[in-house]
N, C-alpha and C. Protein backbone atom coordinates (compact mmCIF):
# COMPACT_ATOMS: atom_id res chain seq x y z
N MET A 1 63.69 7.23 -51.79
CA MET A 1 63.19 6.17 -52.70
C MET A 1 63.31 4.88 -51.88
N SER A 2 62.65 3.98 -52.15
CA SER A 2 62.36 2.87 -51.50
C SER A 2 63.44 1.67 -51.76
N LYS A 3 64.10 1.94 -52.92
CA LYS A 3 65.09 0.84 -53.38
C LYS A 3 66.63 1.41 -53.14
N LYS A 4 67.39 0.57 -52.97
CA LYS A 4 68.79 0.84 -52.77
C LYS A 4 69.30 1.48 -54.15
N ASP A 5 69.79 2.62 -54.01
CA ASP A 5 70.52 3.42 -55.16
C ASP A 5 71.88 3.38 -55.32
N ASN A 6 72.55 2.14 -55.60
CA ASN A 6 73.91 2.01 -55.75
C ASN A 6 74.67 3.07 -56.54
N GLY A 7 75.63 3.72 -55.96
CA GLY A 7 76.41 4.56 -56.81
C GLY A 7 75.88 5.83 -57.31
N LEU A 8 74.72 6.18 -56.89
CA LEU A 8 74.20 7.53 -57.43
C LEU A 8 74.38 8.76 -56.50
N THR A 9 74.71 9.91 -57.07
CA THR A 9 74.90 11.03 -56.33
C THR A 9 73.41 11.52 -55.74
N GLY A 10 73.69 12.56 -54.89
CA GLY A 10 72.30 13.15 -54.37
C GLY A 10 71.55 13.66 -55.59
N LEU A 11 72.07 14.39 -56.54
CA LEU A 11 71.42 14.80 -57.60
C LEU A 11 70.62 13.83 -58.39
N GLU A 12 71.38 12.78 -58.69
CA GLU A 12 70.90 11.68 -59.51
C GLU A 12 69.77 11.06 -58.74
N ARG A 13 69.85 10.80 -57.32
CA ARG A 13 68.82 10.13 -56.58
C ARG A 13 67.45 11.10 -56.73
N TYR A 14 67.82 12.39 -56.59
CA TYR A 14 66.61 13.30 -56.59
C TYR A 14 65.98 13.27 -57.96
N LEU A 15 66.74 13.27 -58.99
CA LEU A 15 66.15 13.19 -60.28
C LEU A 15 65.30 11.79 -60.54
N LEU A 16 65.89 10.80 -60.04
CA LEU A 16 65.42 9.38 -60.09
C LEU A 16 63.94 9.53 -59.45
N GLU A 17 63.96 10.18 -58.32
CA GLU A 17 62.62 10.35 -57.40
C GLU A 17 61.64 11.17 -58.24
N GLU A 18 62.14 12.31 -58.77
CA GLU A 18 61.16 13.16 -59.44
C GLU A 18 60.61 12.62 -60.67
N ILE A 19 61.34 11.93 -61.38
CA ILE A 19 60.98 11.21 -62.66
C ILE A 19 59.84 10.14 -62.08
N GLY A 20 60.12 9.51 -61.05
CA GLY A 20 59.09 8.62 -60.46
C GLY A 20 57.74 9.29 -60.17
N VAL A 21 57.96 10.40 -59.51
CA VAL A 21 56.83 11.20 -59.17
C VAL A 21 55.89 11.61 -60.41
N GLU A 22 56.70 12.11 -61.43
CA GLU A 22 56.05 12.58 -62.61
C GLU A 22 55.28 11.44 -63.27
N PHE A 23 55.92 10.37 -63.44
CA PHE A 23 55.34 9.05 -64.12
C PHE A 23 54.23 8.75 -63.35
N LYS A 24 54.22 8.46 -62.14
CA LYS A 24 53.01 8.14 -61.18
C LYS A 24 51.79 9.13 -61.33
N ALA A 25 52.21 10.42 -61.13
CA ALA A 25 51.27 11.42 -61.24
C ALA A 25 50.46 11.53 -62.52
N CYS A 26 51.17 11.33 -63.51
CA CYS A 26 50.57 11.32 -64.83
C CYS A 26 49.69 10.17 -65.02
N ILE A 27 50.09 9.02 -64.75
CA ILE A 27 49.28 7.65 -64.78
C ILE A 27 48.04 7.71 -63.97
N TYR A 28 48.30 7.85 -62.59
CA TYR A 28 47.22 8.06 -61.66
C TYR A 28 46.19 9.25 -61.99
N PHE A 29 46.65 10.37 -62.46
CA PHE A 29 45.79 11.35 -62.84
C PHE A 29 44.94 10.99 -63.99
N PHE A 30 45.47 10.36 -64.99
CA PHE A 30 44.79 9.92 -66.14
C PHE A 30 43.60 9.01 -65.61
N CYS A 31 43.97 8.00 -64.72
CA CYS A 31 43.05 7.03 -64.19
C CYS A 31 41.75 7.83 -63.66
N TYR A 32 42.05 8.74 -62.77
CA TYR A 32 41.13 9.50 -62.06
C TYR A 32 40.26 10.28 -63.02
N LEU A 33 40.96 11.06 -64.01
CA LEU A 33 40.25 11.73 -64.80
C LEU A 33 39.30 10.86 -65.74
N PHE A 34 39.74 9.71 -66.12
CA PHE A 34 38.95 8.84 -66.78
C PHE A 34 37.70 8.48 -66.11
N TYR A 35 37.69 8.16 -64.80
CA TYR A 35 36.65 7.74 -63.87
C TYR A 35 35.50 9.11 -63.94
N TYR A 36 36.19 10.14 -63.63
CA TYR A 36 35.37 11.43 -63.56
C TYR A 36 34.79 11.73 -64.94
N SER A 37 35.38 11.52 -66.01
CA SER A 37 34.85 11.79 -67.43
C SER A 37 33.84 10.80 -67.71
N MET A 38 33.95 9.53 -67.26
CA MET A 38 32.92 8.67 -67.46
C MET A 38 31.58 8.99 -66.63
N TYR A 39 31.92 9.39 -65.49
CA TYR A 39 30.65 9.88 -64.60
C TYR A 39 29.94 11.02 -65.30
N LYS A 40 30.76 11.90 -65.84
CA LYS A 40 30.03 13.06 -66.45
C LYS A 40 29.36 12.61 -67.75
N LEU A 41 29.98 11.77 -68.60
CA LEU A 41 29.40 11.31 -69.88
C LEU A 41 28.22 10.48 -69.67
N ILE A 42 28.15 9.53 -68.61
CA ILE A 42 27.06 8.65 -68.30
C ILE A 42 25.87 9.52 -67.83
N GLY A 43 26.32 10.61 -67.04
CA GLY A 43 25.12 11.59 -66.65
C GLY A 43 24.55 12.59 -67.75
N GLY A 44 25.13 12.42 -68.98
CA GLY A 44 24.54 13.07 -70.02
C GLY A 44 25.53 14.33 -70.21
N CYS A 45 26.40 14.66 -69.72
CA CYS A 45 27.04 15.86 -69.85
C CYS A 45 28.43 15.66 -70.50
N THR A 46 28.67 16.48 -71.46
CA THR A 46 29.93 16.32 -72.25
C THR A 46 30.96 17.44 -71.77
N ASP A 47 30.65 18.11 -70.93
CA ASP A 47 31.55 19.07 -70.30
C ASP A 47 32.16 18.56 -68.90
N ALA A 48 33.52 19.02 -68.68
CA ALA A 48 34.20 18.75 -67.42
C ALA A 48 34.81 20.02 -67.06
N SER A 49 34.88 20.00 -65.59
CA SER A 49 35.41 21.12 -64.84
C SER A 49 36.94 21.32 -64.87
N ILE A 50 37.45 22.35 -65.36
CA ILE A 50 38.93 22.48 -65.39
C ILE A 50 39.37 22.65 -63.83
N ILE A 51 38.52 23.27 -63.17
CA ILE A 51 38.87 23.50 -61.63
C ILE A 51 39.01 22.10 -61.12
N TYR A 52 38.17 21.11 -61.32
CA TYR A 52 38.21 19.86 -60.75
C TYR A 52 39.45 19.01 -61.26
N MET A 53 39.73 19.22 -62.62
CA MET A 53 40.92 18.74 -63.22
C MET A 53 42.27 19.07 -62.43
N ALA A 54 42.32 20.41 -62.20
CA ALA A 54 43.47 21.21 -61.48
C ALA A 54 43.39 20.59 -60.01
N GLU A 55 42.31 20.43 -59.34
CA GLU A 55 42.25 19.77 -57.91
C GLU A 55 42.84 18.42 -58.07
N MET A 56 42.40 17.63 -58.97
CA MET A 56 42.76 16.26 -59.29
C MET A 56 44.44 16.11 -59.39
N ILE A 57 44.85 16.95 -60.29
CA ILE A 57 46.28 16.85 -60.50
C ILE A 57 47.19 17.29 -59.46
N PHE A 58 46.77 18.42 -58.65
CA PHE A 58 47.51 18.82 -57.54
C PHE A 58 47.50 17.67 -56.52
N LEU A 59 46.26 17.16 -56.18
CA LEU A 59 46.16 16.08 -55.21
C LEU A 59 47.03 14.96 -55.66
N THR A 60 47.06 14.53 -56.87
CA THR A 60 47.64 13.40 -57.22
C THR A 60 49.16 13.65 -57.13
N TYR A 61 49.72 14.79 -57.49
CA TYR A 61 51.09 15.11 -57.12
C TYR A 61 51.42 15.01 -55.64
N GLY A 62 50.65 15.57 -54.86
CA GLY A 62 50.80 15.45 -53.44
C GLY A 62 50.92 14.16 -52.92
N MET A 63 49.78 13.21 -53.46
CA MET A 63 49.82 12.00 -52.99
C MET A 63 50.99 11.05 -53.39
N CYS A 64 51.51 11.27 -54.65
CA CYS A 64 52.73 10.71 -55.08
C CYS A 64 53.94 10.98 -54.30
N TYR A 65 54.08 12.36 -53.80
CA TYR A 65 55.18 12.59 -52.80
C TYR A 65 54.84 11.93 -51.52
N LEU A 66 53.68 11.77 -51.15
CA LEU A 66 53.37 11.14 -49.83
C LEU A 66 53.74 9.61 -50.12
N GLN A 67 53.49 9.05 -51.17
CA GLN A 67 53.69 7.58 -51.29
C GLN A 67 55.13 7.30 -51.28
N ILE A 68 55.99 8.09 -51.96
CA ILE A 68 57.35 7.90 -52.11
C ILE A 68 58.12 8.24 -50.86
N TYR A 69 57.83 9.27 -50.18
CA TYR A 69 58.64 9.61 -49.04
C TYR A 69 58.08 9.27 -47.66
N LEU A 70 56.79 9.10 -47.59
CA LEU A 70 56.39 8.60 -46.24
C LEU A 70 55.75 7.18 -46.34
N MET A 71 55.37 6.63 -47.49
CA MET A 71 54.79 5.27 -47.61
C MET A 71 55.79 4.33 -48.38
N ASN A 72 57.06 4.86 -48.57
CA ASN A 72 58.21 3.98 -49.02
C ASN A 72 57.92 3.32 -50.45
N GLY A 73 57.10 4.07 -51.14
CA GLY A 73 56.80 3.65 -52.61
C GLY A 73 56.21 2.31 -52.53
N PHE A 74 55.33 2.06 -51.72
CA PHE A 74 54.59 0.89 -51.52
C PHE A 74 54.04 0.29 -52.83
N ASP A 75 53.54 1.11 -53.78
CA ASP A 75 53.05 0.57 -54.99
C ASP A 75 54.07 -0.01 -55.95
N GLU A 76 55.37 0.18 -55.56
CA GLU A 76 56.60 -0.29 -56.42
C GLU A 76 57.25 -1.49 -55.70
N GLY A 77 56.61 -2.01 -54.77
CA GLY A 77 57.30 -3.01 -53.97
C GLY A 77 57.19 -4.33 -54.60
N GLU A 78 57.98 -5.29 -54.03
CA GLU A 78 58.09 -6.74 -54.55
C GLU A 78 56.78 -7.52 -54.52
N GLU A 79 56.06 -7.20 -53.34
CA GLU A 79 55.00 -8.12 -53.24
C GLU A 79 53.79 -7.18 -52.85
N PHE A 80 52.54 -7.60 -53.02
CA PHE A 80 51.37 -6.76 -52.54
C PHE A 80 50.66 -7.54 -51.58
N ARG A 81 50.84 -7.26 -50.35
CA ARG A 81 50.39 -7.93 -49.15
C ARG A 81 49.30 -7.05 -48.58
N LEU A 82 49.06 -7.52 -47.08
CA LEU A 82 47.98 -6.68 -46.48
C LEU A 82 48.42 -5.31 -46.26
N LYS A 83 49.91 -5.02 -45.95
CA LYS A 83 50.24 -3.57 -45.58
C LYS A 83 50.14 -2.70 -46.86
N GLU A 84 50.42 -3.32 -47.98
CA GLU A 84 50.32 -2.55 -49.20
C GLU A 84 48.71 -2.33 -49.56
N LEU A 85 47.89 -3.32 -49.28
CA LEU A 85 46.47 -3.18 -49.47
C LEU A 85 45.82 -2.12 -48.50
N LEU A 86 46.35 -2.14 -47.25
CA LEU A 86 45.95 -1.09 -46.43
C LEU A 86 46.41 0.25 -46.70
N LEU A 87 47.78 0.46 -47.28
CA LEU A 87 48.15 1.61 -47.69
C LEU A 87 47.37 2.17 -48.94
N SER A 88 47.05 1.21 -49.84
CA SER A 88 46.19 1.45 -50.93
C SER A 88 44.74 2.10 -50.50
N MET A 89 44.25 1.57 -49.57
CA MET A 89 43.03 2.03 -48.99
C MET A 89 43.18 3.44 -48.38
N VAL A 90 44.07 3.55 -47.60
CA VAL A 90 44.51 4.86 -46.96
C VAL A 90 44.47 5.82 -48.21
N CYS A 91 45.23 5.67 -49.10
CA CYS A 91 45.35 6.51 -50.25
C CYS A 91 43.96 6.73 -50.96
N GLY A 92 43.28 5.70 -51.08
CA GLY A 92 41.90 5.60 -51.67
C GLY A 92 40.95 6.48 -50.75
N LEU A 93 41.02 6.47 -49.51
CA LEU A 93 40.28 7.32 -48.52
C LEU A 93 40.57 8.69 -48.71
N ILE A 94 41.95 9.02 -48.89
CA ILE A 94 42.37 10.37 -49.01
C ILE A 94 41.65 11.16 -50.25
N TYR A 95 41.72 10.25 -51.39
CA TYR A 95 41.32 10.66 -52.69
C TYR A 95 39.67 10.93 -52.60
N THR A 96 39.12 9.87 -51.83
CA THR A 96 37.69 9.81 -51.85
C THR A 96 37.20 11.07 -51.01
N THR A 97 37.89 11.27 -49.96
CA THR A 97 37.49 12.56 -49.08
C THR A 97 37.66 13.84 -49.85
N ALA A 98 38.79 13.89 -50.56
CA ALA A 98 38.94 15.03 -51.51
C ALA A 98 37.83 15.19 -52.44
N SER A 99 37.44 14.10 -53.08
CA SER A 99 36.43 14.17 -54.02
C SER A 99 35.10 14.59 -53.57
N TRP A 100 34.75 14.05 -52.25
CA TRP A 100 33.57 14.44 -51.66
C TRP A 100 33.62 15.95 -51.25
N PHE A 101 34.83 16.48 -50.63
CA PHE A 101 34.85 17.78 -50.18
C PHE A 101 34.90 18.79 -51.53
N PHE A 102 35.43 18.37 -52.53
CA PHE A 102 35.50 19.31 -53.71
C PHE A 102 34.30 19.08 -54.57
N GLY A 103 33.45 18.04 -54.32
CA GLY A 103 32.30 17.81 -55.02
C GLY A 103 32.44 17.39 -56.40
N TRP A 104 33.50 16.47 -56.77
CA TRP A 104 33.72 16.06 -57.96
C TRP A 104 32.65 15.16 -58.53
N PHE A 105 31.95 14.39 -57.76
CA PHE A 105 30.84 13.58 -58.26
C PHE A 105 29.47 13.91 -57.46
N ASP A 106 29.41 15.29 -57.29
CA ASP A 106 28.22 15.84 -56.86
C ASP A 106 27.65 15.18 -55.55
N LYS A 107 28.55 14.78 -54.72
CA LYS A 107 28.28 14.10 -53.50
C LYS A 107 27.39 12.87 -53.76
N ASN A 108 27.39 12.34 -54.76
CA ASN A 108 26.61 11.11 -55.20
C ASN A 108 27.42 9.89 -54.41
N VAL A 109 26.69 9.43 -53.31
CA VAL A 109 27.39 8.34 -52.46
C VAL A 109 27.72 7.06 -53.41
N PRO A 110 26.88 6.50 -54.17
CA PRO A 110 27.47 5.10 -54.89
C PRO A 110 28.53 5.53 -55.88
N VAL A 111 28.49 6.63 -56.49
CA VAL A 111 29.70 7.07 -57.31
C VAL A 111 30.86 7.28 -56.51
N THR A 112 30.74 7.87 -55.40
CA THR A 112 31.94 8.16 -54.65
C THR A 112 32.37 6.75 -53.99
N ILE A 113 31.68 5.84 -53.60
CA ILE A 113 32.13 4.62 -53.09
C ILE A 113 32.75 3.90 -54.36
N GLY A 114 32.22 3.99 -55.62
CA GLY A 114 32.83 3.41 -56.76
C GLY A 114 34.14 4.02 -57.00
N PHE A 115 34.26 5.33 -56.76
CA PHE A 115 35.54 6.00 -57.00
C PHE A 115 36.69 5.47 -55.91
N PHE A 116 36.23 5.22 -54.76
CA PHE A 116 37.21 4.52 -53.79
C PHE A 116 37.67 3.28 -54.25
N LEU A 117 36.84 2.41 -54.62
CA LEU A 117 36.98 1.05 -55.14
C LEU A 117 38.02 1.25 -56.42
N PHE A 118 37.62 2.21 -57.23
CA PHE A 118 38.50 2.44 -58.55
C PHE A 118 39.83 2.79 -58.02
N VAL A 119 40.02 3.58 -57.15
CA VAL A 119 41.42 4.09 -56.86
C VAL A 119 42.17 2.97 -56.17
N VAL A 120 41.60 2.14 -55.24
CA VAL A 120 42.36 0.83 -54.95
C VAL A 120 42.71 0.06 -55.98
N PHE A 121 41.65 -0.18 -56.97
CA PHE A 121 41.99 -0.98 -58.09
C PHE A 121 43.24 -0.46 -58.81
N ALA A 122 43.24 0.89 -59.03
CA ALA A 122 44.29 1.66 -59.72
C ALA A 122 45.65 1.35 -59.11
N TYR A 123 45.64 1.37 -57.78
CA TYR A 123 46.93 1.16 -57.04
C TYR A 123 47.43 -0.38 -57.32
N ILE A 124 46.47 -1.35 -57.40
CA ILE A 124 46.77 -2.79 -57.53
C ILE A 124 47.41 -2.93 -58.99
N CYS A 125 46.64 -2.28 -60.04
CA CYS A 125 47.28 -2.35 -61.31
C CYS A 125 48.61 -1.70 -61.29
N GLY A 126 48.73 -0.53 -60.64
CA GLY A 126 50.02 0.18 -60.72
C GLY A 126 51.04 -0.79 -60.09
N PHE A 127 50.89 -1.67 -59.08
CA PHE A 127 51.78 -2.58 -58.55
C PHE A 127 52.13 -3.59 -59.72
N LEU A 128 51.09 -4.08 -60.37
CA LEU A 128 51.20 -5.16 -61.35
C LEU A 128 52.15 -4.51 -62.41
N VAL A 129 51.92 -3.42 -62.92
CA VAL A 129 52.60 -2.74 -63.85
C VAL A 129 54.18 -2.67 -63.64
N TYR A 130 54.43 -2.12 -62.27
CA TYR A 130 55.83 -2.03 -61.89
C TYR A 130 56.59 -3.42 -61.83
N LYS A 131 55.76 -4.60 -61.27
CA LYS A 131 56.15 -5.83 -61.28
C LYS A 131 56.60 -6.43 -62.51
N ILE A 132 55.67 -6.09 -63.41
CA ILE A 132 55.92 -6.73 -64.96
C ILE A 132 57.17 -5.93 -65.46
N ARG A 133 57.34 -4.69 -65.23
CA ARG A 133 58.36 -3.69 -65.82
C ARG A 133 59.63 -4.37 -65.24
N ARG A 134 59.61 -4.61 -63.98
CA ARG A 134 60.94 -5.12 -63.42
C ARG A 134 61.32 -6.50 -63.90
N THR A 135 60.40 -7.34 -64.08
CA THR A 135 60.52 -8.56 -64.51
C THR A 135 61.22 -8.43 -66.03
N LEU A 136 60.64 -7.66 -66.74
CA LEU A 136 61.18 -7.60 -68.29
C LEU A 136 62.45 -6.97 -68.28
N GLU A 137 62.71 -5.81 -67.37
CA GLU A 137 64.03 -5.15 -67.23
C GLU A 137 65.14 -6.26 -66.79
N SER A 138 64.74 -7.02 -65.83
CA SER A 138 65.56 -8.07 -65.33
C SER A 138 66.03 -9.03 -66.37
N LYS A 139 65.03 -9.54 -67.17
CA LYS A 139 65.23 -10.52 -68.19
C LYS A 139 66.13 -9.94 -69.29
N ALA A 140 66.03 -8.65 -69.54
CA ALA A 140 66.79 -7.90 -70.54
C ALA A 140 68.20 -7.74 -70.01
N LEU A 141 68.37 -7.38 -68.93
CA LEU A 141 69.75 -7.26 -68.37
C LEU A 141 70.42 -8.65 -68.19
N ASN A 142 69.71 -9.59 -67.72
CA ASN A 142 70.25 -11.01 -67.84
C ASN A 142 70.59 -11.36 -69.27
N GLU A 143 69.80 -11.05 -70.29
CA GLU A 143 70.22 -11.49 -71.62
C GLU A 143 71.37 -10.79 -72.10
N ASP A 144 71.53 -9.45 -71.73
CA ASP A 144 72.70 -8.54 -71.99
C ASP A 144 74.01 -9.15 -71.42
N LEU A 145 73.93 -9.55 -70.11
CA LEU A 145 74.90 -10.03 -69.34
C LEU A 145 75.43 -11.47 -70.01
N GLN A 146 74.48 -12.21 -70.50
CA GLN A 146 74.89 -13.37 -71.14
C GLN A 146 75.65 -13.19 -72.45
N ALA A 147 75.03 -12.37 -73.13
CA ALA A 147 75.80 -11.94 -74.51
C ALA A 147 77.18 -11.36 -74.09
N PHE A 148 77.27 -10.60 -73.25
CA PHE A 148 78.65 -9.92 -72.82
C PHE A 148 79.63 -11.06 -72.44
N LYS A 149 79.04 -12.16 -71.64
CA LYS A 149 79.96 -13.25 -71.13
C LYS A 149 80.19 -14.00 -72.50
N GLU A 150 79.43 -14.23 -73.26
CA GLU A 150 79.65 -15.00 -74.59
C GLU A 150 80.67 -14.29 -75.39
N ARG A 151 80.78 -13.15 -75.52
CA ARG A 151 81.82 -12.49 -76.25
C ARG A 151 83.24 -12.58 -75.57
N GLY A 152 83.23 -13.19 -74.26
CA GLY A 152 84.39 -13.47 -73.51
C GLY A 152 84.93 -12.32 -72.84
N HIS A 153 84.15 -11.52 -72.49
CA HIS A 153 84.45 -10.30 -71.71
C HIS A 153 84.55 -10.46 -70.06
N ILE A 154 83.76 -11.59 -69.72
CA ILE A 154 83.85 -12.01 -68.23
C ILE A 154 84.21 -13.52 -68.19
N ASN A 155 85.18 -13.67 -67.31
CA ASN A 155 85.63 -15.08 -67.00
C ASN A 155 84.85 -15.52 -65.64
N GLU A 156 84.23 -16.60 -65.82
CA GLU A 156 83.54 -17.08 -64.53
C GLU A 156 84.34 -17.77 -63.54
């Protein structure tokens, strides 16, 4: 995990990482399934391939492990700079290559390029969600600490 895990046992660290993978995989899979579903619906088809969905979810889990263990959880970082943009684009390229190879969008070039842009956008949104979550959690923790101090449990 990319963040310092003070006082956590190996099992707790592992569980924390696995929960992170589950959360990311579900969110990103839903995003990509939405794009695929809209592609099918706009094309006049109300059916979606279960095989494609299985490919998407397996790839998404693999990518989440890659992000956490090899890319240092870049989408959970404090800032979104050039490095994070490039890593988002690398991930987008991997997803796009898989979509082309598996034929998710019938090798339609404009739709596939749109998918790449959508994936990069999803990573930017993911970063913003994590940033907002951290800000709100910090605010809640600071309010709890202040209330604890006011009850006289901590002397400054």
